[in-house]
Amino acid sequence: MDLGLSGKRALVTGASKGIGLAIAQALAAEGCRVDIASRTRAALDAAAETIRKATPGAVVQVHVADLAVVADQERLATACADADVLVNNAGAAAAGSLDDTTDAGWRASWELKVFGYINLSRTFHRAMQSRRDGVILNVIGYAGERHNAKYVIGSTGNAALMAFTRTAGSASPDFGVRILGVNPGYTATDRAEGQLRAFAEKRFGDADRWRELEKEFNLPFGRMATPREIADTVAFLVSPRASYISGTIVTVDGGATHRNF
């Protein structure tokens, strides 16, 4: 299926690895000019090379930016002001229950993911509405709907981003802009392994026992999602093939959110 993305410019944040890199690869394969952003130049350069190898001739630009910093957000928005697609993906939250968390942990997580997403969305929405065209997609996380007391910072932040995406995306079509989201379930990334290691350290006192928790989660299809499965969903949703979808969040978790057995 031709998604109609050829020639469009797409900015993907948090794109040096994991889901973000997979999204950038998928969009490049569809013919997008891709801008990728993260904190580390070496990781970005490696990601750009991965994209170019997968899609010879792909146009990829890299942007070193700490998206918890307003000045970096503004600089990135200026550099990519004419982007047709923004995919907010940068951000992670520390595992832990309420008593395990700190003020610094809450603020660091929210500055990067919650306010980082919101600030870039506001900036790009203004630019896109002036053209009456554009798509903003927030990669959030299913902890926002399947709340976890042992992941209280992430669950709370994701729930806030879900509300933001639905409310902003309900009005944005009036200006020709779509705002929507994807909630990945457990996905086979380095970050997911890190979270499971933290849970294993808390429960067993041994982070290396994280695979025991993976089995305990009774995951659909007997496995985590792959980054490519999330990326293919995102590529469709930001394309003209999904032109009537806004204010919606698509959960890609194999059914885990409602799996109670």
Protein backbone atom coordinates (compact mmCIF):
# COMPACT_ATOMS: atom_id res chain seq x y z
CA MET A 1 0.00 0.00 0.00
CA ASP A 2 1.34 3.43 -0.95
CA LEU A 3 0.84 5.57 2.14
CA GLY A 4 1.24 8.84 0.25
CA LEU A 5 4.15 10.03 2.38
CA SER A 6 6.76 10.42 -0.34
CA GLY A 7 8.40 13.84 -0.27
CA LYS A 8 7.05 14.83 3.14
CA ARG A 9 9.34 15.97 5.93
CA ALA A 10 9.08 14.15 9.25
CA LEU A 11 10.74 14.96 12.57
CA VAL A 12 11.10 12.06 15.02
CA THR A 13 12.40 12.76 18.52
CA GLY A 14 14.13 10.14 20.63
CA ALA A 15 15.09 8.49 17.36
CA SER A 16 18.60 7.22 18.04
CA LYS A 17 17.36 3.77 19.06
CA GLY A 18 14.36 1.62 19.88
CA ILE A 19 10.88 2.62 18.76
CA GLY A 20 12.00 6.06 17.59
CA LEU A 21 14.65 4.64 15.27
CA ALA A 22 12.18 2.07 13.92
CA ILE A 23 9.68 4.88 13.18
CA ALA A 24 12.33 6.93 11.39
CA GLN A 25 13.27 3.87 9.32
CA ALA A 26 9.65 3.19 8.40
CA LEU A 27 9.04 6.80 7.35
CA ALA A 28 12.25 6.93 5.32
CA ALA A 29 11.21 3.72 3.55
CA GLU A 30 7.94 5.48 2.62
CA GLY A 31 9.90 8.30 1.00
CA CYS A 32 9.92 10.87 3.79
CA ARG A 33 12.80 13.24 4.39
CA VAL A 34 13.60 12.37 7.98
CA ASP A 35 14.96 14.53 10.80
CA ILE A 36 16.01 12.63 13.91
CA ALA A 37 16.72 14.14 17.31
CA SER A 38 18.21 12.92 20.57
CA ARG A 39 20.84 13.96 23.09
CA THR A 40 23.88 12.13 21.76
CA ARG A 41 25.66 12.87 18.47
CA ALA A 42 27.37 9.48 18.19
CA ALA A 43 24.10 7.60 18.66
CA LEU A 44 22.35 9.85 16.14
CA ASP A 45 25.08 9.38 13.55
CA ALA A 46 24.85 5.60 13.99
CA ALA A 47 21.06 5.76 13.64
CA ALA A 48 21.31 7.85 10.48
CA GLU A 49 23.69 5.32 8.98
CA THR A 50 21.28 2.50 9.87
CA ILE A 51 18.46 4.33 8.10
CA ARG A 52 20.56 5.01 4.99
CA LYS A 53 21.66 1.39 4.77
CA ALA A 54 18.07 0.19 5.03
CA THR A 55 16.83 2.74 2.49
CA PRO A 56 19.59 3.77 0.07
CA GLY A 57 19.17 7.39 -0.95
CA ALA A 58 17.23 8.29 2.19
CA VAL A 59 17.56 11.94 3.22
CA VAL A 60 18.35 12.06 6.94
CA GLN A 61 19.32 15.04 9.09
CA VAL A 62 20.44 14.74 12.69
CA HIS A 63 19.79 17.21 15.51
CA VAL A 64 21.48 17.01 18.90
CA ALA A 65 18.93 18.27 21.41
CA ASP A 66 17.98 17.75 25.04
CA LEU A 67 14.22 17.99 24.81
CA ALA A 68 13.87 18.68 28.51
CA VAL A 69 15.49 22.06 27.80
CA VAL A 70 13.24 24.78 26.37
CA ALA A 71 16.06 26.40 24.40
CA ASP A 72 16.78 23.09 22.67
CA GLN A 73 13.09 22.59 21.93
CA GLU A 74 12.94 26.03 20.33
CA ARG A 75 16.12 25.48 18.33
CA LEU A 76 14.85 22.16 17.00
CA ALA A 77 11.47 23.66 16.09
CA THR A 78 13.17 26.45 14.17
CA ALA A 79 15.40 24.01 12.28
CA CYS A 80 12.41 21.84 11.29
CA ALA A 81 9.75 24.53 11.04
CA ASP A 82 8.34 23.22 7.76
CA ALA A 83 7.96 19.61 8.93
CA ASP A 84 4.77 17.95 7.73
CA VAL A 85 4.90 15.34 10.49
CA LEU A 86 6.07 15.54 14.11
CA VAL A 87 6.48 12.31 16.06
CA ASN A 88 7.08 12.97 19.76
CA ASN A 89 8.92 9.97 21.14
CA ALA A 90 11.67 11.25 23.46
CA GLY A 91 11.27 10.47 27.12
CA ALA A 92 11.36 7.85 29.82
CA ALA A 93 10.25 7.60 33.42
CA ALA A 94 11.98 5.84 36.27
CA ALA A 95 10.31 2.77 37.72
CA GLY A 96 9.16 2.83 41.32
CA SER A 97 6.20 3.13 43.68
CA LEU A 98 5.13 6.41 45.28
CA ASP A 99 7.45 5.94 48.25
CA ASP A 100 10.40 5.18 45.96
CA THR A 101 10.08 8.36 43.92
CA THR A 102 11.72 11.72 44.48
CA ASP A 103 10.86 15.28 43.56
CA ALA A 104 13.82 15.31 41.18
CA GLY A 105 12.63 12.10 39.53
CA TRP A 106 9.14 13.46 38.94
CA ARG A 107 10.42 16.74 37.54
CA ALA A 108 13.04 15.19 35.26
CA SER A 109 10.54 12.75 33.76
CA TRP A 110 7.84 15.37 33.24
CA GLU A 111 10.18 18.04 31.85
CA LEU A 112 11.36 15.64 29.15
CA LYS A 113 8.27 13.67 28.20
CA VAL A 114 5.17 15.52 29.36
CA PHE A 115 6.24 19.14 28.90
CA GLY A 116 8.61 18.22 26.07
CA TYR A 117 5.73 16.71 24.10
CA ILE A 118 3.35 19.53 24.93
CA ASN A 119 5.79 22.32 24.11
CA LEU A 120 6.78 20.86 20.73
CA SER A 121 3.15 20.11 19.92
CA ARG A 122 2.14 23.71 20.65
CA THR A 123 4.96 25.11 18.53
CA PHE A 124 4.40 22.83 15.55
CA HIS A 125 0.63 23.18 15.76
CA ARG A 126 0.98 26.92 15.24
CA ALA A 127 3.20 26.39 12.18
CA MET A 128 1.00 23.65 10.75
CA GLN A 129 -2.26 25.53 11.21
CA SER A 130 -0.83 28.45 9.23
CA ARG A 131 -0.45 25.98 6.33
CA ARG A 132 -3.68 24.16 7.25
CA ASP A 133 -1.85 20.86 7.01
CA GLY A 134 0.19 18.64 9.31
CA VAL A 135 0.19 15.69 11.70
CA ILE A 136 1.45 15.42 15.27
CA LEU A 137 1.68 11.94 16.75
CA ASN A 138 2.58 11.27 20.38
CA VAL A 139 4.14 7.91 21.27
CA ILE A 140 2.88 7.59 24.83
CA GLY A 141 2.68 4.15 26.46
CA TYR A 142 -0.04 1.84 27.71
CA ALA A 143 0.80 2.48 31.37
CA GLY A 144 -1.36 5.56 30.85
CA GLU A 145 -4.41 3.30 30.60
CA ARG A 146 -3.23 0.21 32.45
CA HIS A 147 -1.94 2.00 35.52
CA ASN A 148 0.85 0.41 37.52
CA ALA A 149 1.56 1.43 41.11
CA LYS A 150 5.16 0.29 40.64
CA TYR A 151 5.53 2.69 37.72
CA VAL A 152 3.71 5.66 39.19
CA ILE A 153 5.65 8.43 37.45
CA GLY A 154 5.22 6.89 34.01
CA SER A 155 1.59 5.93 34.56
CA THR A 156 0.68 9.44 35.68
CA GLY A 157 2.63 11.19 32.93
CA ASN A 158 1.25 8.94 30.22
CA ALA A 159 -2.31 9.48 31.44
CA ALA A 160 -1.73 13.25 31.23
CA LEU A 161 -0.42 12.92 27.68
CA MET A 162 -3.40 10.81 26.69
CA ALA A 163 -5.74 13.55 27.92
CA PHE A 164 -3.67 16.19 26.13
CA THR A 165 -3.68 14.25 22.86
CA ARG A 166 -7.43 13.64 22.91
CA THR A 167 -8.38 17.18 23.82
CA ALA A 168 -5.92 18.92 21.47
CA GLY A 169 -6.70 16.46 18.68
CA SER A 170 -10.43 17.06 18.98
CA ALA A 171 -10.02 20.72 17.99
CA SER A 172 -6.98 20.63 15.69
CA PRO A 173 -8.94 19.47 12.59
CA ASP A 174 -10.56 22.92 12.56
CA PHE A 175 -7.13 24.15 11.44
CA GLY A 176 -6.32 21.26 9.10
CA VAL A 177 -4.07 19.53 11.64
CA ARG A 178 -4.37 16.04 13.10
CA ILE A 179 -3.09 15.21 16.61
CA LEU A 180 -3.19 11.59 17.71
CA GLY A 181 -1.28 9.02 19.69
CA VAL A 182 -0.01 5.48 19.95
CA ASN A 183 0.25 3.52 23.19
CA PRO A 184 2.82 0.76 22.78
CA GLY A 185 2.64 -2.14 25.18
CA TYR A 186 5.79 -3.94 26.25
CA THR A 187 8.15 -3.64 23.30
CA ALA A 188 11.49 -5.37 22.86
CA THR A 189 13.79 -2.38 23.32
CA ASP A 190 16.77 -1.65 25.57
CA ARG A 191 14.49 0.60 27.61
CA ALA A 192 12.02 -2.20 28.27
CA GLU A 193 14.81 -4.45 29.43
CA GLY A 194 16.00 -1.67 31.74
CA GLN A 195 12.55 -1.33 33.28
CA LEU A 196 12.29 -5.07 33.83
CA ARG A 197 15.74 -5.06 35.38
CA ALA A 198 14.63 -2.36 37.82
CA PHE A 199 11.53 -4.36 38.74
CA ALA A 200 13.67 -7.50 39.19
CA GLU A 201 16.12 -5.66 41.42
CA LYS A 202 13.21 -4.46 43.55
CA ARG A 203 11.56 -7.87 43.84
CA PHE A 204 14.45 -10.32 43.81
CA GLY A 205 17.45 -8.17 44.65
CA ASP A 206 18.91 -9.34 41.33
CA ALA A 207 18.43 -7.35 38.11
CA ASP A 208 19.69 -10.29 36.02
CA ARG A 209 16.48 -12.20 36.83
CA TRP A 210 14.42 -9.82 34.63
CA ARG A 211 13.37 -12.56 32.19
CA GLU A 212 11.43 -14.23 34.99
CA LEU A 213 9.22 -11.14 35.09
CA GLU A 214 8.81 -11.15 31.32
CA LYS A 215 7.34 -14.66 31.56
CA GLU A 216 5.20 -13.66 34.53
CA PHE A 217 3.51 -10.90 32.55
CA ASN A 218 1.66 -13.51 30.44
CA LEU A 219 2.19 -11.43 27.31
CA PRO A 220 -0.10 -11.87 24.29
CA PHE A 221 1.43 -14.05 21.57
CA GLY A 222 4.00 -15.11 24.17
CA ARG A 223 6.29 -12.15 23.46
CA MET A 224 6.78 -8.40 23.52
CA ALA A 225 5.97 -6.33 20.45
CA THR A 226 8.77 -5.52 18.06
CA PRO A 227 9.73 -1.88 17.39
CA ARG A 228 8.83 -2.46 13.72
CA GLU A 229 5.25 -3.38 14.66
CA ILE A 230 4.87 -0.07 16.48
CA ALA A 231 6.58 1.83 13.67
CA ASP A 232 4.33 0.42 10.95
CA THR A 233 1.28 1.53 12.93
CA VAL A 234 2.72 5.03 13.30
CA ALA A 235 3.57 5.27 9.59
CA PHE A 236 -0.04 4.49 8.67
CA LEU A 237 -1.50 6.89 11.23
CA VAL A 238 0.57 9.88 10.10
CA SER A 239 -0.18 9.19 6.44
CA PRO A 240 -3.02 10.55 4.29
CA ARG A 241 -4.51 7.04 4.44
CA ALA A 242 -5.56 7.89 8.00
CA SER A 243 -6.80 11.36 7.17
CA TYR A 244 -9.97 11.18 9.33
CA ILE A 245 -8.20 10.07 12.52
CA SER A 246 -7.54 12.78 15.14
CA GLY A 247 -7.94 12.97 18.90
CA THR A 248 -7.55 9.20 18.97
CA ILE A 249 -5.03 6.95 20.70
CA VAL A 250 -4.31 3.54 19.18
CA THR A 251 -3.10 0.94 21.66
CA VAL A 252 -0.65 -1.60 20.22
CA ASP A 253 -0.24 -4.12 23.00
CA GLY A 254 -1.66 -7.37 21.59
CA GLY A 255 -4.67 -6.98 23.91
CA ALA A 256 -2.61 -6.86 27.12
CA THR A 257 -4.46 -3.87 28.60
CA HIS A 258 -7.60 -5.98 29.03
CA ARG A 259 -5.90 -9.32 29.63
CA ASN A 260 -6.84 -10.17 33.20
CA PHE A 261 -6.03 -13.86 33.35
